[in-house]
PDB file of N, CA and C in Angstrom:
ATOM      1  N   UNK A   1      18.835  98.385  52.137  1.00  0.00           N
ATOM      2  CA  UNK A   1      18.071  98.386  50.929  1.00  0.00           C
ATOM      3  C   UNK A   1      18.299  97.053  50.237  1.00  0.00           C
ATOM      4  N   UNK A   2      17.223  96.476  49.710  1.00  0.00           N
ATOM      5  CA  UNK A   2      17.329  95.128  49.162  1.00  0.00           C
ATOM      6  C   UNK A   2      17.733  95.076  47.688  1.00  0.00           C
ATOM      7  N   UNK A   3      17.662  96.180  46.970  1.00  0.00           N
ATOM      8  CA  UNK A   3      18.017  96.206  45.541  1.00  0.00           C
ATOM      9  C   UNK A   3      18.680  97.554  45.223  1.00  0.00           C
ATOM     10  N   UNK A   4      19.476  97.620  44.158  1.00  0.00           N
ATOM     11  CA  UNK A   4      20.138  98.891  43.815  1.00  0.00           C
ATOM     12  C   UNK A   4      19.143  99.956  43.376  1.00  0.00           C
ATOM     13  N   UNK A   5      19.532 101.214  43.553  1.00  0.00           N
ATOM     14  CA  UNK A   5      18.744 102.356  43.075  1.00  0.00           C
ATOM     15  C   UNK A   5      19.592 103.143  42.083  1.00  0.00           C
ATOM     16  N   UNK A   6      19.001 103.610  40.991  1.00  0.00           N
ATOM     17  CA  UNK A   6      19.771 104.434  40.047  1.00  0.00           C
ATOM     18  C   UNK A   6      20.083 105.803  40.646  1.00  0.00           C
ATOM     19  N   UNK A   7      21.007 106.512  40.023  1.00  0.00           N
ATOM     20  CA  UNK A   7      21.328 107.877  40.447  1.00  0.00           C
ATOM     21  C   UNK A   7      20.080 108.745  40.349  1.00  0.00           C
ATOM     22  N   UNK A   8      19.994 109.737  41.210  1.00  0.00           N
ATOM     23  CA  UNK A   8      18.836 110.644  41.229  1.00  0.00           C
ATOM     24  C   UNK A   8      19.150 111.899  40.425  1.00  0.00           C
ATOM     25  N   UNK A   9      18.119 112.537  39.925  1.00  0.00           N
ATOM     26  CA  UNK A   9      18.274 113.780  39.167  1.00  0.00           C
ATOM     27  C   UNK A   9      18.489 114.979  40.076  1.00  0.00           C
ATOM     28  N   UNK A  10      18.164 116.155  39.559  1.00  0.00           N
ATOM     29  CA  UNK A  10      18.473 117.404  40.237  1.00  0.00           C
ATOM     30  C   UNK A  10      17.507 117.845  41.313  1.00  0.00           C
ATOM     31  N   UNK A  11      16.504 117.035  41.631  1.00  0.00           N
ATOM     32  CA  UNK A  11      15.583 117.439  42.708  1.00  0.00           C
ATOM     33  C   UNK A  11      15.359 116.294  43.675  1.00  0.00           C
ATOM     34  N   UNK A  12      14.949 116.632  44.876  1.00  0.00           N
ATOM     35  CA  UNK A  12      14.707 115.636  45.907  1.00  0.00           C
ATOM     36  C   UNK A  12      13.459 114.827  45.566  1.00  0.00           C
ATOM     37  N   UNK A  13      13.540 113.517  45.740  1.00  0.00           N
ATOM     38  CA  UNK A  13      12.397 112.633  45.476  1.00  0.00           C
ATOM     39  C   UNK A  13      12.178 111.722  46.672  1.00  0.00           C
ATOM     40  N   UNK A  14      10.982 111.222  46.772  1.00  0.00           N
ATOM     41  CA  UNK A  14      10.618 110.234  47.790  1.00  0.00           C
ATOM     42  C   UNK A  14       9.994 109.053  47.064  1.00  0.00           C
ATOM     43  N   UNK A  15      10.596 107.886  47.215  1.00  0.00           N
ATOM     44  CA  UNK A  15      10.138 106.689  46.542  1.00  0.00           C
ATOM     45  C   UNK A  15       9.327 105.819  47.493  1.00  0.00           C
ATOM     46  N   UNK A  16       8.235 105.273  47.000  1.00  0.00           N
ATOM     47  CA  UNK A  16       7.402 104.391  47.810  1.00  0.00           C
ATOM     48  C   UNK A  16       8.110 103.049  47.985  1.00  0.00           C
ATOM     49  N   UNK A  17       7.978 102.510  49.185  1.00  0.00           N
ATOM     50  CA  UNK A  17       8.597 101.221  49.470  1.00  0.00           C
ATOM     51  C   UNK A  17       7.971 100.529  50.650  1.00  0.00           C
ATOM     52  N   UNK A  18       8.516  99.373  50.975  1.00  0.00           N
ATOM     53  CA  UNK A  18       8.058  98.578  52.115  1.00  0.00           C
ATOM     54  C   UNK A  18       9.277  98.270  52.974  1.00  0.00           C
ATOM     55  N   UNK A  19       9.174  98.538  54.263  1.00  0.00           N
ATOM     56  CA  UNK A  19      10.277  98.228  55.160  1.00  0.00           C
ATOM     57  C   UNK A  19       9.827  97.175  56.153  1.00  0.00           C
ATOM     58  N   UNK A  20      10.817  96.412  56.624  1.00  0.00           N
ATOM     59  CA  UNK A  20      10.572  95.391  57.640  1.00  0.00           C
ATOM     60  C   UNK A  20      11.867  95.143  58.392  1.00  0.00           C
ATOM     61  N   UNK A  21      11.782  94.468  59.492  1.00  0.00           N
ATOM     62  CA  UNK A  21      12.959  94.085  60.275  1.00  0.00           C
ATOM     63  C   UNK A  21      13.398  92.696  59.787  1.00  0.00           C
ATOM     64  N   UNK A  22      14.667  92.572  59.359  1.00  0.00           N
ATOM     65  CA  UNK A  22      15.160  91.292  58.852  1.00  0.00           C
ATOM     66  C   UNK A  22      15.615  90.388  59.991  1.00  0.00           C
ATOM     67  N   UNK A  23      16.108  89.202  59.638  1.00  0.00           N
ATOM     68  CA  UNK A  23      16.535  88.214  60.645  1.00  0.00           C
ATOM     69  C   UNK A  23      17.695  88.702  61.504  1.00  0.00           C
ATOM     70  N   UNK A  24      18.476  89.662  60.988  1.00  0.00           N
ATOM     71  CA  UNK A  24      19.603  90.227  61.742  1.00  0.00           C
ATOM     72  C   UNK A  24      19.155  91.354  62.665  1.00  0.00           C
ATOM     73  N   UNK A  25      17.850  91.677  62.653  1.00  0.00           N
ATOM     74  CA  UNK A  25      17.334  92.727  63.517  1.00  0.00           C
ATOM     75  C   UNK A  25      17.507  94.122  62.947  1.00  0.00           C
ATOM     76  N   UNK A  26      17.804  94.233  61.660  1.00  0.00           N
ATOM     77  CA  UNK A  26      17.993  95.531  61.008  1.00  0.00           C
ATOM     78  C   UNK A  26      16.810  95.850  60.109  1.00  0.00           C
ATOM     79  N   UNK A  27      16.534  97.141  59.972  1.00  0.00           N
ATOM     80  CA  UNK A  27      15.488  97.575  59.052  1.00  0.00           C
ATOM     81  C   UNK A  27      15.973  97.335  57.631  1.00  0.00           C
ATOM     82  N   UNK A  28      15.110  96.779  56.806  1.00  0.00           N
ATOM     83  CA  UNK A  28      15.423  96.525  55.402  1.00  0.00           C
ATOM     84  C   UNK A  28      14.302  97.119  54.558  1.00  0.00           C
ATOM     85  N   UNK A  29      14.674  97.835  53.501  1.00  0.00           N
ATOM     86  CA  UNK A  29      13.702  98.526  52.664  1.00  0.00           C
ATOM     87  C   UNK A  29      13.721  97.941  51.259  1.00  0.00           C
ATOM     88  N   UNK A  30      12.545  97.681  50.720  1.00  0.00           N
ATOM     89  CA  UNK A  30      12.398  97.289  49.323  1.00  0.00           C
ATOM     90  C   UNK A  30      11.610  98.377  48.615  1.00  0.00           C
ATOM     91  N   UNK A  31      12.238  99.048  47.656  1.00  0.00           N
ATOM     92  CA  UNK A  31      11.604 100.130  46.920  1.00  0.00           C
ATOM     93  C   UNK A  31      10.713  99.532  45.836  1.00  0.00           C
ATOM     94  N   UNK A  32       9.498 100.064  45.685  1.00  0.00           N
ATOM     95  CA  UNK A  32       8.579  99.589  44.649  1.00  0.00           C
ATOM     96  C   UNK A  32       9.197  99.792  43.281  1.00  0.00           C
ATOM     97  N   UNK A  33       9.059  98.802  42.406  1.00  0.00           N
ATOM     98  CA  UNK A  33       9.652  98.863  41.071  1.00  0.00           C
ATOM     99  C   UNK A  33       9.043  99.973  40.223  1.00  0.00           C
ATOM    100  N   UNK A  34       7.744 100.182  40.366  1.00  0.00           N
ATOM    101  CA  UNK A  34       7.058 101.219  39.579  1.00  0.00           C
ATOM    102  C   UNK A  34       6.599 102.325  40.510  1.00  0.00           C
ATOM    103  N   UNK A  35       6.958 103.561  40.172  1.00  0.00           N
ATOM    104  CA  UNK A  35       6.680 104.715  41.025  1.00  0.00           C
ATOM    105  C   UNK A  35       5.661 105.681  40.412  1.00  0.00           C
ATOM    106  N   UNK A  36       5.033 105.327  39.317  1.00  0.00           N
ATOM    107  CA  UNK A  36       4.068 106.206  38.649  1.00  0.00           C
ATOM    108  C   UNK A  36       2.974 106.652  39.635  1.00  0.00           C
ATOM    109  N   UNK A  37       2.684 107.934  39.646  1.00  0.00           N
ATOM    110  CA  UNK A  37       1.708 108.482  40.612  1.00  0.00           C
ATOM    111  C   UNK A  37       0.298 107.941  40.399  1.00  0.00           C
ATOM    112  N   UNK A  38       0.008 107.386  39.226  1.00  0.00           N
ATOM    113  CA  UNK A  38      -1.316 106.835  38.957  1.00  0.00           C
ATOM    114  C   UNK A  38      -1.491 105.432  39.542  1.00  0.00           C
ATOM    115  N   UNK A  39      -0.422 104.823  40.007  1.00  0.00           N
ATOM    116  CA  UNK A  39      -0.491 103.460  40.537  1.00  0.00           C
ATOM    117  C   UNK A  39      -0.864 103.500  42.018  1.00  0.00           C
ATOM    118  N   UNK A  40      -2.135 103.594  42.288  1.00  0.00           N
ATOM    119  CA  UNK A  40      -2.596 103.718  43.663  1.00  0.00           C
ATOM    120  C   UNK A  40      -2.361 102.447  44.474  1.00  0.00           C
ATOM    121  N   UNK A  41      -2.300 101.289  43.807  1.00  0.00           N
ATOM    122  CA  UNK A  41      -2.023 100.045  44.515  1.00  0.00           C
ATOM    123  C   UNK A  41      -0.636 100.049  45.129  1.00  0.00           C
ATOM    124  N   UNK A  42       0.333 100.602  44.403  1.00  0.00           N
ATOM    125  CA  UNK A  42       1.703 100.715  44.911  1.00  0.00           C
ATOM    126  C   UNK A  42       1.725 101.625  46.135  1.00  0.00           C
ATOM    127  N   UNK A  43       1.009 102.723  46.068  1.00  0.00           N
ATOM    128  CA  UNK A  43       0.950 103.646  47.199  1.00  0.00           C
ATOM    129  C   UNK A  43       0.270 102.991  48.400  1.00  0.00           C
ATOM    130  N   UNK A  44      -0.819 102.254  48.145  1.00  0.00           N
ATOM    131  CA  UNK A  44      -1.540 101.604  49.243  1.00  0.00           C
ATOM    132  C   UNK A  44      -0.697 100.527  49.928  1.00  0.00           C
ATOM    133  N   UNK A  45       0.155  99.850  49.161  1.00  0.00           N
ATOM    134  CA  UNK A  45       0.981  98.779  49.721  1.00  0.00           C
ATOM    135  C   UNK A  45       2.210  99.304  50.461  1.00  0.00           C
ATOM    136  N   UNK A  46       2.602 100.533  50.181  1.00  0.00           N
ATOM    137  CA  UNK A  46       3.814 101.102  50.772  1.00  0.00           C
ATOM    138  C   UNK A  46       3.610 101.394  52.261  1.00  0.00           C
ATOM    139  N   UNK A  47       4.682 101.174  53.025  1.00  0.00           N
ATOM    140  CA  UNK A  47       4.651 101.570  54.433  1.00  0.00           C
ATOM    141  C   UNK A  47       5.799 102.517  54.768  1.00  0.00           C
ATOM    142  N   UNK A  48       6.487 103.009  53.703  1.00  0.00           N
ATOM    143  CA  UNK A  48       7.547 103.985  53.905  1.00  0.00           C
ATOM    144  C   UNK A  48       7.808 104.781  52.633  1.00  0.00           C
ATOM    145  N   UNK A  49       8.501 105.903  52.797  1.00  0.00           N
ATOM    146  CA  UNK A  49       8.982 106.717  51.684  1.00  0.00           C
ATOM    147  C   UNK A  49      10.484 106.832  51.831  1.00  0.00           C
ATOM    148  N   UNK A  50      11.225 106.457  50.778  1.00  0.00           N
ATOM    149  CA  UNK A  50      12.680 106.501  50.790  1.00  0.00           C
ATOM    150  C   UNK A  50      13.129 107.847  50.234  1.00  0.00           C
ATOM    151  N   UNK A  51      13.942 108.570  50.995  1.00  0.00           N
ATOM    152  CA  UNK A  51      14.429 109.883  50.581  1.00  0.00           C
ATOM    153  C   UNK A  51      15.581 109.737  49.597  1.00  0.00           C
ATOM    154  N   UNK A  52      15.479 110.427  48.459  1.00  0.00           N
ATOM    155  CA  UNK A  52      16.546 110.483  47.454  1.00  0.00           C
ATOM    156  C   UNK A  52      16.932 111.948  47.278  1.00  0.00           C
ATOM    157  N   UNK A  53      18.096 112.320  47.761  1.00  0.00           N
ATOM    158  CA  UNK A  53      18.549 113.713  47.713  1.00  0.00           C
ATOM    159  C   UNK A  53      18.900 114.110  46.273  1.00  0.00           C
ATOM    160  N   UNK A  54      18.877 115.422  45.984  1.00  0.00           N
ATOM    161  CA  UNK A  54      19.252 115.887  44.642  1.00  0.00           C
ATOM    162  C   UNK A  54      20.650 115.407  44.255  1.00  0.00           C
ATOM    163  N   UNK A  55      20.772 114.933  43.027  1.00  0.00           N
ATOM    164  CA  UNK A  55      22.049 114.490  42.452  1.00  0.00           C
ATOM    165  C   UNK A  55      22.724 113.366  43.235  1.00  0.00           C
ATOM    166  N   UNK A  56      21.933 112.591  43.969  1.00  0.00           N
ATOM    167  CA  UNK A  56      22.497 111.462  44.714  1.00  0.00           C
ATOM    168  C   UNK A  56      23.029 110.419  43.736  1.00  0.00           C
ATOM    169  N   UNK A  57      24.175 109.823  44.018  1.00  0.00           N
ATOM    170  CA  UNK A  57      24.725 108.806  43.115  1.00  0.00           C
ATOM    171  C   UNK A  57      23.930 107.506  43.206  1.00  0.00           C
ATOM    172  N   UNK A  58      24.214 106.593  42.297  1.00  0.00           N
ATOM    173  CA  UNK A  58      23.598 105.277  42.324  1.00  0.00           C
ATOM    174  C   UNK A  58      23.920 104.602  43.654  1.00  0.00           C
ATOM    175  N   UNK A  59      22.964 103.849  44.164  1.00  0.00           N
ATOM    176  CA  UNK A  59      23.169 103.139  45.426  1.00  0.00           C
ATOM    177  C   UNK A  59      23.007 101.642  45.204  1.00  0.00           C
ATOM    178  N   UNK A  60      23.862 100.879  45.846  1.00  0.00           N
ATOM    179  CA  UNK A  60      23.860  99.417  45.701  1.00  0.00           C
ATOM    180  C   UNK A  60      22.957  98.776  46.751  1.00  0.00           C
ATOM    181  N   UNK A  61      22.560  97.547  46.475  1.00  0.00           N
ATOM    182  CA  UNK A  61      21.825  96.769  47.467  1.00  0.00           C
ATOM    183  C   UNK A  61      22.674  96.684  48.729  1.00  0.00           C
ATOM    184  N   UNK A  62      22.065  96.875  49.865  1.00  0.00           N
ATOM    185  CA  UNK A  62      22.781  96.852  51.137  1.00  0.00           C
ATOM    186  C   UNK A  62      23.202  98.218  51.643  1.00  0.00           C
ATOM    187  N   UNK A  63      23.176  99.240  50.762  1.00  0.00           N
ATOM    188  CA  UNK A  63      23.499 100.598  51.204  1.00  0.00           C
ATOM    189  C   UNK A  63      22.429 101.101  52.173  1.00  0.00           C
ATOM    190  N   UNK A  64      22.834 101.971  53.074  1.00  0.00           N
ATOM    191  CA  UNK A  64      21.883 102.585  54.003  1.00  0.00           C
ATOM    192  C   UNK A  64      21.175 103.741  53.319  1.00  0.00           C
ATOM    193  N   UNK A  65      19.889 103.881  53.592  1.00  0.00           N
ATOM    194  CA  UNK A  65      19.095 104.994  53.060  1.00  0.00           C
ATOM    195  C   UNK A  65      18.259 105.561  54.193  1.00  0.00           C
ATOM    196  N   UNK A  66      17.851 106.799  54.036  1.00  0.00           N
ATOM    197  CA  UNK A  66      16.918 107.419  54.983  1.00  0.00           C
ATOM    198  C   UNK A  66      15.509 107.169  54.457  1.00  0.00           C
ATOM    199  N   UNK A  67      14.617 106.827  55.383  1.00  0.00           N
ATOM    200  CA  UNK A  67      13.230 106.638  54.986  1.00  0.00           C
ATOM    201  C   UNK A  67      12.299 107.137  56.081  1.00  0.00           C
ATOM    202  N   UNK A  68      11.086 107.435  55.662  1.00  0.00           N
ATOM    203  CA  UNK A  68      10.036 107.871  56.572  1.00  0.00           C
ATOM    204  C   UNK A  68       9.031 106.742  56.673  1.00  0.00           C
ATOM    205  N   UNK A  69       8.836 106.200  57.858  1.00  0.00           N
ATOM    206  CA  UNK A  69       7.826 105.168  58.053  1.00  0.00           C
ATOM    207  C   UNK A  69       6.437 105.809  57.994  1.00  0.00           C
ATOM    208  N   UNK A  70       5.531 105.145  57.329  1.00  0.00           N
ATOM    209  CA  UNK A  70       4.153 105.660  57.220  1.00  0.00           C
ATOM    210  C   UNK A  70       3.225 104.934  58.171  1.00  0.00           C
TER     211      UNK A  70
END
Protein backbone atom coordinates (compact mmCIF):
# COMPACT_ATOMS: atom_id res chain seq x y z
CA UNK A 1 0.00 0.00 0.00
CA UNK A 2 1.41 3.37 -0.98
CA UNK A 3 -0.19 5.54 1.76
CA UNK A 4 -1.51 4.97 5.30
CA UNK A 5 -5.15 4.02 5.94
CA UNK A 6 -7.08 5.09 9.04
CA UNK A 7 -8.61 2.53 11.40
CA UNK A 8 -11.86 0.99 10.16
CA UNK A 9 -15.20 1.09 11.97
CA UNK A 10 -17.42 -1.78 13.01
CA UNK A 11 -18.32 -3.11 9.57
CA UNK A 12 -16.43 -4.50 6.61
CA UNK A 13 -15.69 -1.98 3.85
CA UNK A 14 -14.18 -2.13 0.39
CA UNK A 15 -12.23 0.92 -0.77
CA UNK A 16 -11.70 1.79 -4.41
CA UNK A 17 -8.10 1.89 -5.54
CA UNK A 18 -5.58 1.31 -8.30
CA UNK A 19 -3.03 -1.48 -8.21
CA UNK A 20 0.07 -2.01 -10.31
CA UNK A 21 3.30 -3.99 -10.26
CA UNK A 22 6.18 -1.85 -8.93
CA UNK A 23 9.86 -1.95 -9.96
CA UNK A 24 10.51 -4.65 -7.32
CA UNK A 25 7.92 -6.91 -8.98
CA UNK A 26 5.40 -6.56 -6.14
CA UNK A 27 1.77 -5.49 -6.32
CA UNK A 28 1.31 -1.97 -4.99
CA UNK A 29 -2.08 -0.44 -4.19
CA UNK A 30 -3.01 3.24 -4.05
CA UNK A 31 -6.38 3.82 -2.37
CA UNK A 32 -8.49 6.66 -3.83
CA UNK A 33 -8.50 9.68 -1.51
CA UNK A 34 -12.25 10.23 -1.87
CA UNK A 35 -14.60 7.25 -1.51
CA UNK A 36 -18.01 8.98 -1.79
CA UNK A 37 -20.43 6.72 -3.70
CA UNK A 38 -21.51 9.66 -5.89
CA UNK A 39 -18.00 10.03 -7.34
CA UNK A 40 -18.39 7.86 -10.42
CA UNK A 41 -15.04 9.03 -11.82
CA UNK A 42 -13.24 7.47 -8.86
CA UNK A 43 -15.11 4.21 -9.42
CA UNK A 44 -14.37 4.27 -13.16
CA UNK A 45 -10.64 4.81 -12.55
CA UNK A 46 -10.37 2.03 -9.95
CA UNK A 47 -9.03 -1.37 -10.91
CA UNK A 48 -9.31 -2.94 -7.46
CA UNK A 49 -11.24 -2.97 -4.18
CA UNK A 50 -9.22 -3.01 -0.95
CA UNK A 51 -10.78 -5.09 1.84
CA UNK A 52 -11.02 -3.40 5.26
CA UNK A 53 -12.18 -5.83 7.95
CA UNK A 54 -14.39 -4.70 10.86
CA UNK A 55 -12.45 -2.84 13.57
CA UNK A 56 -9.19 -3.13 11.61
CA UNK A 57 -6.45 -0.93 13.10
CA UNK A 58 -4.74 1.90 11.23
CA UNK A 59 -2.38 0.65 8.53
CA UNK A 60 0.88 2.28 7.48
CA UNK A 61 2.25 2.78 3.99
CA UNK A 62 3.95 -0.45 2.96
CA UNK A 63 1.60 -2.71 4.95
CA UNK A 64 0.11 -5.66 3.10
CA UNK A 65 -3.62 -5.54 2.33
CA UNK A 66 -6.06 -7.89 0.64
CA UNK A 67 -7.62 -6.60 -2.53
CA UNK A 68 -9.88 -7.79 -5.31
CA UNK A 69 -8.66 -6.99 -8.82
CA UNK A 70 -11.45 -5.71 -11.07
